[in-house]
Amino acid sequence: MEKPLNKKELAAALRIQKKEITEYFVYTGLAELCKDLHNAEVLRSVGKEEKRHALYWQDKTGMEVKPSRFSILWNILKARILGLTFTLKQMEKSEGTASRNYMELIHSFPGAESIAQDEAKHERELLNMLDEERLRYAGSVVLGLNDALVELTGALAGFTLAFGNPRLISLAGFITGISASFSMSASEYLSCKTEGDPRAAKSALYTGIAYVITVVLLILPFLLLPGKFMALAITLVVAVLIILVFNYYLATAKDLNFRRRFGEMTLISLGVAALSFGVGFIFQKLLGVDI
């Protein structure tokens, strides 16, 4: 027989109840966004189970809890912008926390054990169904992003010492970057085509888009700031932020090691920039060039 909830258990049960009813509306909303009919049905099914869990806790607490409208809107917005996979992976990480909360209440509520098992089942179902185009082409995006970061941060560092005018540096960087994006896209297309990949054109497109976006973000400080060294410093910060955001997204969506990937890309990009800056400094002194 279940004993009455003490104050601590009541607070924990109400937190879980609120989370469950909130996730019912989140999963239902995500199902509406999902174009794959099978995946949409899985999401609706998981949502119904979340509602059943919420009703279980409502029966135990004797209180009706309203869902978090902010959490519902935020998760659906994330799915629209960052994709279903990323959003669900983040939600499932918090599902792990919820499962631990369930385990803490099992001694008072035996029914909580089956709900905890349901939560683990949700994770397996959701991870098995995930298949998004943006992640299928993640390798192409990484190729464009990484090459642009390494090549352009190095080029801009070298141009900073070779040229005196920030606008001239941005022009040289833009021409270098756009030319390299065309070259990289063509190389990706030919590489995929050689391997018989039917998605060669799309892979090349993703590579080129990632490259061009990175180019624009990196040269922007040289267009907006009058001092070239300040612009270079801001560009390097932007490069690190791009690496941070992209690797966090990819690590979350594909269960990769975020710290290792972030450290490697940052070290390579900043290392090449430092070497290029040094080469620019040496040749400036040797040739006495200052445009």
Protein backbone atom coordinates (compact mmCIF):
# COMPACT_ATOMS: atom_id res chain seq x y z
CA MET A 1 0.00 0.00 0.00
CA GLU A 2 1.34 3.43 -0.98
CA LYS A 3 2.05 5.77 1.87
CA PRO A 4 1.09 9.48 1.77
CA LEU A 5 3.56 11.85 0.17
CA ASN A 6 5.79 13.85 2.47
CA LYS A 7 6.68 17.44 1.57
CA LYS A 8 9.87 16.52 -0.31
CA GLU A 9 8.23 13.71 -2.26
CA LEU A 10 5.24 15.91 -3.14
CA ALA A 11 7.56 18.57 -4.58
CA ALA A 12 9.44 15.93 -6.61
CA ALA A 13 6.21 14.35 -7.87
CA LEU A 14 4.81 17.73 -8.92
CA ARG A 15 8.02 18.51 -10.85
CA ILE A 16 7.76 15.21 -12.70
CA GLN A 17 4.04 15.73 -13.32
CA LYS A 18 4.67 19.15 -14.85
CA LYS A 19 7.48 17.78 -17.00
CA GLU A 20 5.34 14.88 -18.27
CA ILE A 21 2.34 17.02 -19.26
CA THR A 22 4.67 19.56 -20.87
CA GLU A 23 6.37 16.86 -22.93
CA TYR A 24 2.99 15.52 -24.03
CA PHE A 25 2.34 18.84 -25.77
CA VAL A 26 5.94 19.04 -27.06
CA TYR A 27 5.88 15.58 -28.67
CA THR A 28 2.42 16.24 -30.12
CA GLY A 29 3.66 19.53 -31.59
CA LEU A 30 6.80 17.90 -33.00
CA ALA A 31 4.67 15.18 -34.60
CA GLU A 32 2.85 17.90 -36.54
CA LEU A 33 6.21 19.15 -37.88
CA CYS A 34 7.43 15.68 -38.85
CA LYS A 35 7.03 14.86 -42.56
CA ASP A 36 7.84 11.18 -42.11
CA LEU A 37 4.52 9.47 -41.25
CA HIS A 38 6.16 6.66 -39.26
CA ASN A 39 8.24 9.08 -37.22
CA ALA A 40 5.20 11.29 -36.61
CA GLU A 41 3.21 8.30 -35.33
CA VAL A 42 6.05 7.34 -32.98
CA LEU A 43 6.11 10.88 -31.59
CA ARG A 44 2.34 10.87 -31.04
CA SER A 45 2.58 7.50 -29.32
CA VAL A 46 5.33 8.73 -27.00
CA GLY A 47 3.28 11.86 -26.32
CA LYS A 48 0.27 9.78 -25.29
CA GLU A 49 2.44 7.82 -22.85
CA GLU A 50 3.74 11.07 -21.37
CA LYS A 51 0.15 12.17 -20.81
CA ARG A 52 -0.64 8.84 -19.15
CA HIS A 53 2.34 9.34 -16.84
CA ALA A 54 1.16 12.86 -16.00
CA LEU A 55 -2.29 11.52 -15.08
CA TYR A 56 -0.67 8.87 -12.88
CA TRP A 57 1.10 11.57 -10.86
CA GLN A 58 -1.97 13.77 -10.84
CA ASP A 59 -3.81 10.92 -9.14
CA LYS A 60 -1.03 10.67 -6.52
CA THR A 61 -0.61 14.39 -5.87
CA GLY A 62 -4.30 15.25 -6.10
CA MET A 63 -3.36 18.40 -8.02
CA GLU A 64 -3.68 19.48 -11.65
CA VAL A 65 -0.50 21.01 -13.01
CA LYS A 66 -0.36 23.25 -16.07
CA PRO A 67 2.34 22.61 -18.69
CA SER A 68 5.21 25.01 -19.25
CA ARG A 69 4.14 27.03 -22.29
CA PHE A 70 7.65 28.43 -22.64
CA SER A 71 9.19 24.95 -22.80
CA ILE A 72 6.63 23.85 -25.40
CA LEU A 73 7.21 26.86 -27.64
CA TRP A 74 10.99 26.75 -27.14
CA ASN A 75 11.37 23.09 -28.11
CA ILE A 76 9.14 23.43 -31.16
CA LEU A 77 11.07 26.55 -32.23
CA LYS A 78 14.36 24.67 -31.80
CA ALA A 79 13.05 21.83 -33.94
CA ARG A 80 12.08 24.28 -36.69
CA ILE A 81 15.50 25.96 -36.68
CA LEU A 82 17.96 23.28 -35.57
CA GLY A 83 16.09 20.15 -36.57
CA LEU A 84 14.12 17.39 -34.94
CA THR A 85 17.18 15.25 -34.16
CA PHE A 86 18.99 17.92 -32.15
CA THR A 87 15.84 18.82 -30.20
CA LEU A 88 14.96 15.22 -29.35
CA LYS A 89 18.52 14.40 -28.29
CA GLN A 90 18.46 17.33 -25.87
CA MET A 91 15.07 16.27 -24.54
CA GLU A 92 16.23 12.69 -24.06
CA LYS A 93 19.18 13.90 -21.99
CA SER A 94 16.69 15.49 -19.63
CA GLU A 95 14.64 12.27 -19.78
CA GLY A 96 17.63 10.58 -18.15
CA THR A 97 17.37 13.04 -15.26
CA ALA A 98 13.64 12.34 -14.99
CA SER A 99 14.30 8.60 -14.87
CA ARG A 100 16.62 9.12 -11.90
CA ASN A 101 13.89 11.15 -10.17
CA TYR A 102 11.50 8.27 -10.74
CA MET A 103 13.93 5.84 -9.16
CA GLU A 104 14.03 8.03 -6.04
CA LEU A 105 10.24 7.68 -5.66
CA ILE A 106 9.99 3.95 -6.35
CA HIS A 107 10.19 3.09 -2.65
CA SER A 108 6.98 5.07 -2.06
CA PHE A 109 5.28 4.36 -5.40
CA PRO A 110 5.91 0.96 -7.01
CA GLY A 111 4.08 2.15 -10.14
CA ALA A 112 6.90 4.62 -10.76
CA GLU A 113 9.20 1.75 -11.76
CA SER A 114 7.17 0.90 -14.86
CA ILE A 115 7.08 4.58 -15.82
CA ALA A 116 10.87 4.76 -15.48
CA GLN A 117 11.12 1.80 -17.84
CA ASP A 118 8.80 3.58 -20.27
CA GLU A 119 11.16 6.57 -20.25
CA ALA A 120 14.08 4.33 -21.27
CA LYS A 121 11.91 2.79 -24.00
CA HIS A 122 11.10 6.27 -25.32
CA GLU A 123 14.77 6.98 -25.79
CA ARG A 124 15.37 3.79 -27.78
CA GLU A 125 12.34 4.41 -30.01
CA LEU A 126 13.26 8.00 -30.72
CA LEU A 127 16.92 7.31 -31.44
CA ASN A 128 16.00 4.48 -33.80
CA MET A 129 13.67 6.65 -35.86
CA LEU A 130 15.94 9.66 -36.35
CA ASP A 131 17.03 10.33 -39.94
CA GLU A 132 17.32 13.95 -41.02
CA GLU A 133 18.75 15.29 -44.25
CA ARG A 134 20.83 17.93 -42.51
CA LEU A 135 22.64 15.21 -40.55
CA ARG A 136 23.10 12.96 -43.58
CA TYR A 137 25.12 15.79 -45.08
CA ALA A 138 26.94 16.69 -41.86
CA GLY A 139 30.23 15.46 -43.33
CA SER A 140 29.90 17.89 -46.24
CA VAL A 141 29.11 20.76 -43.87
CA VAL A 142 32.12 19.86 -41.71
CA LEU A 143 34.32 19.84 -44.80
CA GLY A 144 33.22 23.31 -45.91
CA LEU A 145 33.22 24.77 -42.42
CA ASN A 146 36.56 23.37 -41.35
CA ASP A 147 38.34 24.27 -44.60
CA ALA A 148 36.97 27.82 -44.52
CA LEU A 149 37.99 28.32 -40.89
CA VAL A 150 41.51 26.98 -41.39
CA GLU A 151 42.20 28.59 -44.75
CA LEU A 152 40.55 31.96 -44.24
CA THR A 153 41.69 32.65 -40.67
CA GLY A 154 45.22 31.97 -41.91
CA ALA A 155 44.77 34.13 -45.01
CA LEU A 156 43.24 37.04 -43.06
CA ALA A 157 46.04 36.87 -40.50
CA GLY A 158 48.60 37.08 -43.31
CA PHE A 159 46.72 39.86 -45.10
CA THR A 160 46.53 41.87 -41.88
CA LEU A 161 50.28 42.38 -41.93
CA ALA A 162 50.63 42.62 -45.70
CA PHE A 163 47.91 45.27 -46.14
CA GLY A 164 47.24 48.40 -44.16
CA ASN A 165 43.60 49.06 -45.06
CA PRO A 166 40.95 46.83 -43.40
CA ARG A 167 38.67 47.20 -46.45
CA LEU A 168 41.48 45.92 -48.68
CA ILE A 169 42.00 43.00 -46.30
CA SER A 170 38.27 42.17 -46.42
CA LEU A 171 38.28 42.37 -50.25
CA ALA A 172 41.28 40.06 -50.52
CA GLY A 173 39.72 37.71 -47.97
CA PHE A 174 36.37 37.69 -49.77
CA ILE A 175 37.91 36.92 -53.15
CA THR A 176 40.08 34.20 -51.61
CA GLY A 177 37.16 32.71 -49.71
CA ILE A 178 34.65 32.69 -52.57
CA SER A 179 37.20 31.22 -54.99
CA ALA A 180 38.06 28.53 -52.43
CA SER A 181 34.37 27.75 -51.84
CA PHE A 182 33.85 27.08 -55.57
CA SER A 183 36.98 24.94 -55.64
CA MET A 184 35.97 22.99 -52.53
CA SER A 185 32.42 22.42 -53.81
CA ALA A 186 33.74 21.15 -57.14
CA SER A 187 36.19 18.83 -55.38
CA GLU A 188 33.43 17.44 -53.14
CA TYR A 189 31.20 16.87 -56.17
CA LEU A 190 33.90 15.04 -58.13
CA SER A 191 34.91 13.00 -55.07
CA CYS A 192 31.31 11.86 -54.40
CA LYS A 193 30.69 11.25 -58.09
CA THR A 194 33.78 9.07 -58.35
CA GLU A 195 32.50 6.97 -55.44
CA GLY A 196 29.12 6.60 -57.15
CA ASP A 197 27.25 8.65 -54.56
CA PRO A 198 23.90 9.77 -56.06
CA ARG A 199 23.85 12.70 -53.62
CA ALA A 200 27.01 14.26 -55.06
CA ALA A 201 25.33 17.51 -56.13
CA LYS A 202 23.67 18.04 -52.75
CA SER A 203 26.90 17.24 -50.91
CA ALA A 204 28.72 19.84 -52.99
CA LEU A 205 25.94 22.37 -52.32
CA TYR A 206 26.11 21.86 -48.54
CA THR A 207 29.90 22.18 -48.63
CA GLY A 208 29.73 25.42 -50.64
CA ILE A 209 27.01 27.00 -48.49
CA ALA A 210 28.87 26.21 -45.25
CA TYR A 211 32.05 27.68 -46.76
CA VAL A 212 30.42 30.92 -47.98
CA ILE A 213 28.57 31.55 -44.68
CA THR A 214 31.83 31.09 -42.78
CA VAL A 215 33.65 33.46 -45.17
CA VAL A 216 31.07 36.21 -44.67
CA LEU A 217 31.17 35.92 -40.87
CA LEU A 218 34.98 36.00 -40.77
CA ILE A 219 35.48 39.05 -43.00
CA LEU A 220 32.65 41.07 -41.44
CA PRO A 221 34.85 42.59 -38.66
CA PHE A 222 37.20 44.03 -41.31
CA LEU A 223 34.25 45.76 -42.96
CA LEU A 224 32.85 47.17 -39.72
CA LEU A 225 35.95 48.12 -37.71
CA PRO A 226 38.57 50.78 -38.61
CA GLY A 227 41.51 49.07 -36.90
CA LYS A 228 42.89 46.00 -38.68
CA PHE A 229 44.40 44.35 -35.60
CA MET A 230 41.18 44.76 -33.64
CA ALA A 231 39.29 43.34 -36.63
CA LEU A 232 41.63 40.35 -36.72
CA ALA A 233 41.14 39.74 -33.00
CA ILE A 234 37.33 39.83 -33.42
CA THR A 235 37.61 37.51 -36.44
CA LEU A 236 39.50 34.95 -34.37
CA VAL A 237 36.84 35.18 -31.63
CA VAL A 238 34.13 34.68 -34.28
CA ALA A 239 36.02 31.64 -35.61
CA VAL A 240 36.13 30.08 -32.13
CA LEU A 241 32.40 30.80 -31.62
CA ILE A 242 31.56 29.16 -34.97
CA ILE A 243 33.57 26.10 -33.94
CA LEU A 244 31.88 26.08 -30.52
CA VAL A 245 28.30 26.34 -31.81
CA PHE A 246 28.70 23.89 -34.68
CA ASN A 247 30.51 21.25 -32.65
CA TYR A 248 27.97 21.51 -29.82
CA TYR A 249 25.18 20.97 -32.35
CA LEU A 250 26.92 18.05 -34.03
CA ALA A 251 28.05 16.45 -30.77
CA THR A 252 24.50 16.61 -29.40
CA ALA A 253 22.79 15.35 -32.55
CA LYS A 254 25.28 12.56 -33.31
CA ASP A 255 26.51 11.65 -29.80
CA LEU A 256 30.10 12.72 -30.46
CA ASN A 257 32.80 13.91 -28.08
CA PHE A 258 32.27 17.67 -27.94
CA ARG A 259 35.41 18.65 -26.02
CA ARG A 260 37.79 16.69 -28.20
CA ARG A 261 36.28 17.93 -31.49
CA PHE A 262 36.10 21.53 -30.27
CA GLY A 263 39.69 21.44 -29.02
CA GLU A 264 41.05 19.94 -32.24
CA MET A 265 39.30 22.40 -34.58
CA THR A 266 40.16 25.41 -32.42
CA LEU A 267 43.81 24.42 -32.12
CA ILE A 268 44.16 23.85 -35.87
CA SER A 269 42.39 27.08 -36.89
CA LEU A 270 44.21 29.33 -34.43
CA GLY A 271 47.50 27.53 -35.06
CA VAL A 272 47.30 28.14 -38.81
CA ALA A 273 46.33 31.79 -38.16
CA ALA A 274 49.37 32.25 -35.91
CA LEU A 275 51.71 30.66 -38.47
CA SER A 276 50.27 32.78 -41.29
CA PHE A 277 50.62 35.92 -39.17
CA GLY A 278 54.27 35.04 -38.57
CA VAL A 279 54.90 34.40 -42.27
CA GLY A 280 53.26 37.72 -43.13
CA PHE A 281 55.41 39.51 -40.59
CA ILE A 282 58.63 37.95 -41.91
CA PHE A 283 57.90 38.72 -45.57
CA GLN A 284 56.78 42.26 -44.73
CA LYS A 285 60.13 42.89 -43.11
CA LEU A 286 62.12 41.17 -45.86
CA LEU A 287 60.33 42.84 -48.75
CA GLY A 288 59.44 46.11 -47.05
CA VAL A 289 55.89 45.93 -48.42
CA ASP A 290 53.09 47.90 -46.75
CA ILE A 291 50.06 48.54 -48.94
